[in-house]
């Protein structure tokens, strides 16, 4: 029986992040098609009108996206520190 694990992973054509040069080329192409001054003027109009999405976009680019915090384990309750020895002690108590 052949070991097929040797064929997993590795380099594949087109895989991974594109080179920085390719990203820069795309930016230059977009700059040739889109007038950034007009885009900024339009964004300014929307922000001044109070458009929430425009304001959000502006803040994310100006100061970075806010840190997201998600509580998936405690429903907001505090977790007290428990040593592994206490885990074992509590497990043997319940048996």
N, C-alpha and C. Protein backbone atom coordinates (compact mmCIF):
# COMPACT_ATOMS: atom_id res chain seq x y z
N UNK A 1 0.84 -1.19 0.00
CA UNK A 1 0.00 0.00 0.00
C UNK A 1 0.88 1.25 0.00
N UNK A 2 0.59 2.17 -0.88
CA UNK A 2 1.38 3.39 -1.03
C UNK A 2 0.98 4.42 0.02
N UNK A 3 1.96 5.13 0.56
CA UNK A 3 1.71 6.19 1.54
C UNK A 3 1.32 7.46 0.79
N UNK A 4 0.05 7.82 0.83
CA UNK A 4 -0.45 8.97 0.07
C UNK A 4 -0.24 10.30 0.80
N UNK A 5 0.22 10.24 2.05
CA UNK A 5 0.43 11.48 2.80
C UNK A 5 1.51 12.34 2.16
N UNK A 6 2.43 11.73 1.45
CA UNK A 6 3.51 12.48 0.83
C UNK A 6 3.00 13.43 -0.24
N UNK A 7 1.80 13.19 -0.74
CA UNK A 7 1.25 14.01 -1.81
C UNK A 7 0.40 15.18 -1.28
N UNK A 8 0.26 15.29 0.03
CA UNK A 8 -0.54 16.37 0.62
C UNK A 8 0.25 17.66 0.69
N UNK A 9 -0.44 18.77 0.53
CA UNK A 9 0.16 20.08 0.73
C UNK A 9 1.22 20.41 -0.31
N UNK A 10 2.08 21.32 0.07
CA UNK A 10 3.16 21.70 -0.83
C UNK A 10 2.76 22.85 -1.74
N UNK A 11 3.68 23.20 -2.61
CA UNK A 11 3.48 24.32 -3.52
C UNK A 11 2.52 23.94 -4.64
N UNK A 12 1.57 24.82 -4.92
CA UNK A 12 0.63 24.63 -6.03
C UNK A 12 0.57 25.91 -6.84
N UNK A 13 0.40 25.78 -8.11
CA UNK A 13 0.31 26.95 -9.00
C UNK A 13 -0.87 27.83 -8.59
N UNK A 14 -0.62 29.12 -8.44
CA UNK A 14 -1.69 30.07 -8.11
C UNK A 14 -2.03 30.14 -6.64
N UNK A 15 -1.39 29.33 -5.79
CA UNK A 15 -1.70 29.32 -4.36
C UNK A 15 -0.96 30.44 -3.65
N UNK A 16 -1.51 30.89 -2.54
CA UNK A 16 -0.84 31.88 -1.70
C UNK A 16 -1.15 33.31 -2.10
N UNK A 17 -0.58 34.21 -1.34
CA UNK A 17 -0.78 35.64 -1.58
C UNK A 17 -0.05 36.06 -2.85
N UNK A 18 -0.69 36.94 -3.58
CA UNK A 18 -0.08 37.45 -4.81
C UNK A 18 1.11 38.34 -4.46
N UNK A 19 2.11 38.40 -5.32
CA UNK A 19 3.28 39.25 -5.04
C UNK A 19 2.89 40.72 -4.90
N UNK A 20 3.66 41.43 -4.13
CA UNK A 20 3.40 42.85 -3.90
C UNK A 20 3.39 43.62 -5.22
N UNK A 21 4.22 43.20 -6.17
CA UNK A 21 4.28 43.87 -7.47
C UNK A 21 2.94 43.75 -8.20
N UNK A 22 2.29 42.59 -8.10
CA UNK A 22 0.99 42.39 -8.75
C UNK A 22 -0.07 43.28 -8.10
N UNK A 23 0.00 43.39 -6.77
CA UNK A 23 -0.93 44.25 -6.05
C UNK A 23 -0.73 45.71 -6.44
N UNK A 24 0.52 46.13 -6.54
CA UNK A 24 0.84 47.51 -6.92
C UNK A 24 0.37 47.80 -8.34
N UNK A 25 0.52 46.83 -9.24
CA UNK A 25 0.09 47.00 -10.63
C UNK A 25 -1.42 47.21 -10.69
N UNK A 26 -2.18 46.44 -9.89
CA UNK A 26 -3.63 46.59 -9.85
C UNK A 26 -4.01 47.98 -9.34
N UNK A 27 -3.33 48.45 -8.32
CA UNK A 27 -3.60 49.79 -7.77
C UNK A 27 -3.35 50.85 -8.83
N UNK A 28 -2.26 50.71 -9.56
CA UNK A 28 -1.94 51.68 -10.62
C UNK A 28 -2.99 51.66 -11.73
N UNK A 29 -3.49 50.47 -12.07
CA UNK A 29 -4.54 50.37 -13.09
C UNK A 29 -5.81 51.06 -12.62
N UNK A 30 -6.17 50.85 -11.36
CA UNK A 30 -7.37 51.49 -10.81
C UNK A 30 -7.20 53.00 -10.75
N UNK A 31 -6.00 53.46 -10.40
CA UNK A 31 -5.74 54.91 -10.37
C UNK A 31 -5.90 55.53 -11.75
N UNK A 32 -5.59 54.77 -12.80
CA UNK A 32 -5.75 55.27 -14.16
C UNK A 32 -7.20 55.39 -14.58
N UNK A 33 -8.08 54.59 -13.97
CA UNK A 33 -9.50 54.57 -14.33
C UNK A 33 -10.33 55.45 -13.41
N UNK A 34 -9.96 55.49 -12.14
CA UNK A 34 -10.75 56.21 -11.13
C UNK A 34 -10.00 57.45 -10.69
N UNK A 35 -10.68 58.59 -10.70
CA UNK A 35 -10.09 59.83 -10.22
C UNK A 35 -10.26 59.89 -8.70
N UNK A 36 -9.16 59.70 -7.98
CA UNK A 36 -9.25 59.62 -6.52
C UNK A 36 -9.75 60.92 -5.90
N UNK A 37 -9.48 62.06 -6.54
CA UNK A 37 -9.97 63.34 -6.00
C UNK A 37 -11.49 63.38 -6.03
N UNK A 38 -12.09 62.84 -7.10
CA UNK A 38 -13.55 62.81 -7.20
C UNK A 38 -14.15 61.84 -6.18
N UNK A 39 -13.47 60.72 -5.96
CA UNK A 39 -13.95 59.74 -4.97
C UNK A 39 -13.92 60.37 -3.58
N UNK A 40 -12.85 61.07 -3.26
CA UNK A 40 -12.74 61.72 -1.96
C UNK A 40 -13.81 62.80 -1.80
N UNK A 41 -14.08 63.56 -2.86
CA UNK A 41 -15.14 64.58 -2.80
C UNK A 41 -16.50 63.92 -2.53
N UNK A 42 -16.77 62.81 -3.21
CA UNK A 42 -18.04 62.11 -3.03
C UNK A 42 -18.16 61.55 -1.62
N UNK A 43 -17.08 60.97 -1.12
CA UNK A 43 -17.07 60.46 0.25
C UNK A 43 -17.32 61.60 1.23
N UNK A 44 -16.71 62.74 0.99
CA UNK A 44 -16.90 63.91 1.83
C UNK A 44 -18.38 64.34 1.85
N UNK A 45 -19.02 64.34 0.68
CA UNK A 45 -20.45 64.70 0.60
C UNK A 45 -21.29 63.74 1.44
N UNK A 46 -21.01 62.43 1.30
CA UNK A 46 -21.78 61.43 2.04
C UNK A 46 -21.57 61.54 3.55
N UNK A 47 -20.32 61.77 3.97
CA UNK A 47 -20.03 61.93 5.39
C UNK A 47 -20.76 63.15 5.94
N UNK A 48 -20.74 64.26 5.19
CA UNK A 48 -21.43 65.47 5.64
C UNK A 48 -22.94 65.31 5.69
N UNK A 49 -23.50 64.41 4.87
CA UNK A 49 -24.94 64.12 4.91
C UNK A 49 -25.28 63.21 6.09
N UNK A 50 -24.25 62.62 6.73
CA UNK A 50 -24.50 61.73 7.86
C UNK A 50 -24.67 60.28 7.45
N UNK A 51 -24.24 59.91 6.26
CA UNK A 51 -24.33 58.53 5.78
C UNK A 51 -23.44 57.65 6.67
N UNK A 52 -24.08 56.74 7.42
CA UNK A 52 -23.35 55.93 8.39
C UNK A 52 -22.26 55.09 7.74
N UNK A 53 -22.54 54.44 6.61
CA UNK A 53 -21.55 53.59 5.94
C UNK A 53 -20.34 54.40 5.49
N UNK A 54 -20.56 55.62 5.00
CA UNK A 54 -19.46 56.47 4.57
C UNK A 54 -18.61 56.89 5.77
N UNK A 55 -19.27 57.22 6.87
CA UNK A 55 -18.55 57.60 8.08
C UNK A 55 -17.73 56.42 8.60
N UNK A 56 -18.35 55.24 8.61
CA UNK A 56 -17.67 54.03 9.06
C UNK A 56 -16.44 53.75 8.18
N UNK A 57 -16.60 53.85 6.89
CA UNK A 57 -15.50 53.62 5.95
C UNK A 57 -14.37 54.61 6.20
N UNK A 58 -14.72 55.87 6.37
CA UNK A 58 -13.72 56.90 6.64
C UNK A 58 -12.92 56.58 7.90
N UNK A 59 -13.62 56.27 8.99
CA UNK A 59 -12.94 55.99 10.25
C UNK A 59 -12.07 54.74 10.15
N UNK A 60 -12.54 53.71 9.45
CA UNK A 60 -11.75 52.48 9.33
C UNK A 60 -10.45 52.73 8.57
N UNK A 61 -10.50 53.55 7.54
CA UNK A 61 -9.28 53.84 6.79
C UNK A 61 -8.39 54.85 7.51
N UNK A 62 -9.01 55.77 8.23
CA UNK A 62 -8.24 56.83 8.90
C UNK A 62 -7.53 56.31 10.15
N UNK A 63 -8.26 55.55 10.99
CA UNK A 63 -7.71 55.10 12.26
C UNK A 63 -7.64 53.58 12.40
N UNK A 64 -8.07 52.84 11.42
CA UNK A 64 -8.03 51.38 11.49
C UNK A 64 -9.32 50.82 12.05
N UNK A 65 -9.57 49.59 11.72
CA UNK A 65 -10.79 48.93 12.17
C UNK A 65 -10.72 48.68 13.67
N UNK A 66 -11.84 48.90 14.35
CA UNK A 66 -11.90 48.70 15.80
C UNK A 66 -11.68 47.23 16.14
N UNK A 67 -11.06 46.99 17.29
CA UNK A 67 -10.82 45.62 17.74
C UNK A 67 -12.15 44.97 18.08
N UNK A 68 -12.36 43.77 17.54
CA UNK A 68 -13.60 43.04 17.80
C UNK A 68 -13.38 42.09 18.96
N UNK A 69 -14.33 42.05 19.87
CA UNK A 69 -14.27 41.12 20.99
C UNK A 69 -15.53 40.28 20.98
N UNK A 70 -15.33 38.98 20.98
CA UNK A 70 -16.46 38.05 20.96
C UNK A 70 -16.32 37.08 22.11
N UNK A 71 -17.34 36.99 22.95
CA UNK A 71 -17.34 36.07 24.08
C UNK A 71 -18.15 34.84 23.67
N UNK A 72 -17.48 33.73 23.46
CA UNK A 72 -18.17 32.53 23.00
C UNK A 72 -18.28 31.47 24.08
N UNK A 73 -17.79 31.75 25.29
CA UNK A 73 -17.76 30.70 26.30
C UNK A 73 -18.51 31.02 27.58
N UNK A 74 -18.55 32.29 28.00
CA UNK A 74 -19.01 32.57 29.36
C UNK A 74 -20.29 33.37 29.46
N UNK A 75 -20.84 33.80 28.33
CA UNK A 75 -22.02 34.67 28.36
C UNK A 75 -21.80 35.90 29.23
N UNK A 76 -20.56 36.40 29.24
CA UNK A 76 -20.26 37.61 29.98
C UNK A 76 -19.83 37.40 31.41
N UNK A 77 -19.95 36.18 31.94
CA UNK A 77 -19.53 35.91 33.32
C UNK A 77 -18.02 35.86 33.41
N UNK A 78 -17.49 36.22 34.58
CA UNK A 78 -16.05 36.15 34.79
C UNK A 78 -15.63 34.70 34.99
N UNK A 79 -14.43 34.39 34.54
CA UNK A 79 -13.87 33.05 34.72
C UNK A 79 -12.82 33.14 35.82
N UNK A 80 -13.01 32.37 36.87
CA UNK A 80 -12.01 32.37 37.93
C UNK A 80 -10.89 31.42 37.54
N UNK A 81 -9.71 31.71 38.03
CA UNK A 81 -8.55 30.90 37.70
C UNK A 81 -8.62 29.60 38.48
N UNK A 82 -8.52 28.48 37.78
CA UNK A 82 -8.56 27.16 38.40
C UNK A 82 -7.31 26.40 37.99
N UNK A 83 -6.59 25.89 38.96
CA UNK A 83 -5.37 25.15 38.65
C UNK A 83 -5.73 23.75 38.16
N UNK A 84 -4.87 23.11 37.38
CA UNK A 84 -5.14 21.74 36.90
C UNK A 84 -5.34 20.75 38.04
N UNK A 85 -4.70 20.99 39.18
CA UNK A 85 -4.88 20.09 40.33
C UNK A 85 -6.32 20.16 40.81
N UNK A 86 -6.90 21.35 40.82
CA UNK A 86 -8.30 21.50 41.23
C UNK A 86 -9.23 20.81 40.24
N UNK A 87 -8.88 20.84 38.95
CA UNK A 87 -9.70 20.14 37.94
C UNK A 87 -9.76 18.66 38.29
N UNK A 88 -8.59 18.09 38.59
CA UNK A 88 -8.54 16.66 38.91
C UNK A 88 -9.32 16.38 40.19
N UNK A 89 -9.16 17.25 41.19
CA UNK A 89 -9.85 17.07 42.46
C UNK A 89 -11.37 17.13 42.24
N UNK A 90 -11.83 18.13 41.45
CA UNK A 90 -13.26 18.27 41.18
C UNK A 90 -13.79 17.10 40.36
N UNK A 91 -13.00 16.58 39.45
CA UNK A 91 -13.42 15.45 38.62
C UNK A 91 -13.57 14.19 39.47
N UNK A 92 -12.65 13.99 40.41
CA UNK A 92 -12.74 12.78 41.24
C UNK A 92 -13.87 12.90 42.25
N UNK A 93 -14.24 14.11 42.68
CA UNK A 93 -15.35 14.32 43.60
C UNK A 93 -16.69 13.96 42.96
N UNK A 94 -16.80 14.20 41.65
CA UNK A 94 -18.08 13.97 40.98
C UNK A 94 -18.27 12.51 40.60
N UNK A 95 -17.23 11.70 40.70
CA UNK A 95 -17.35 10.28 40.31
C UNK A 95 -17.91 9.44 41.40
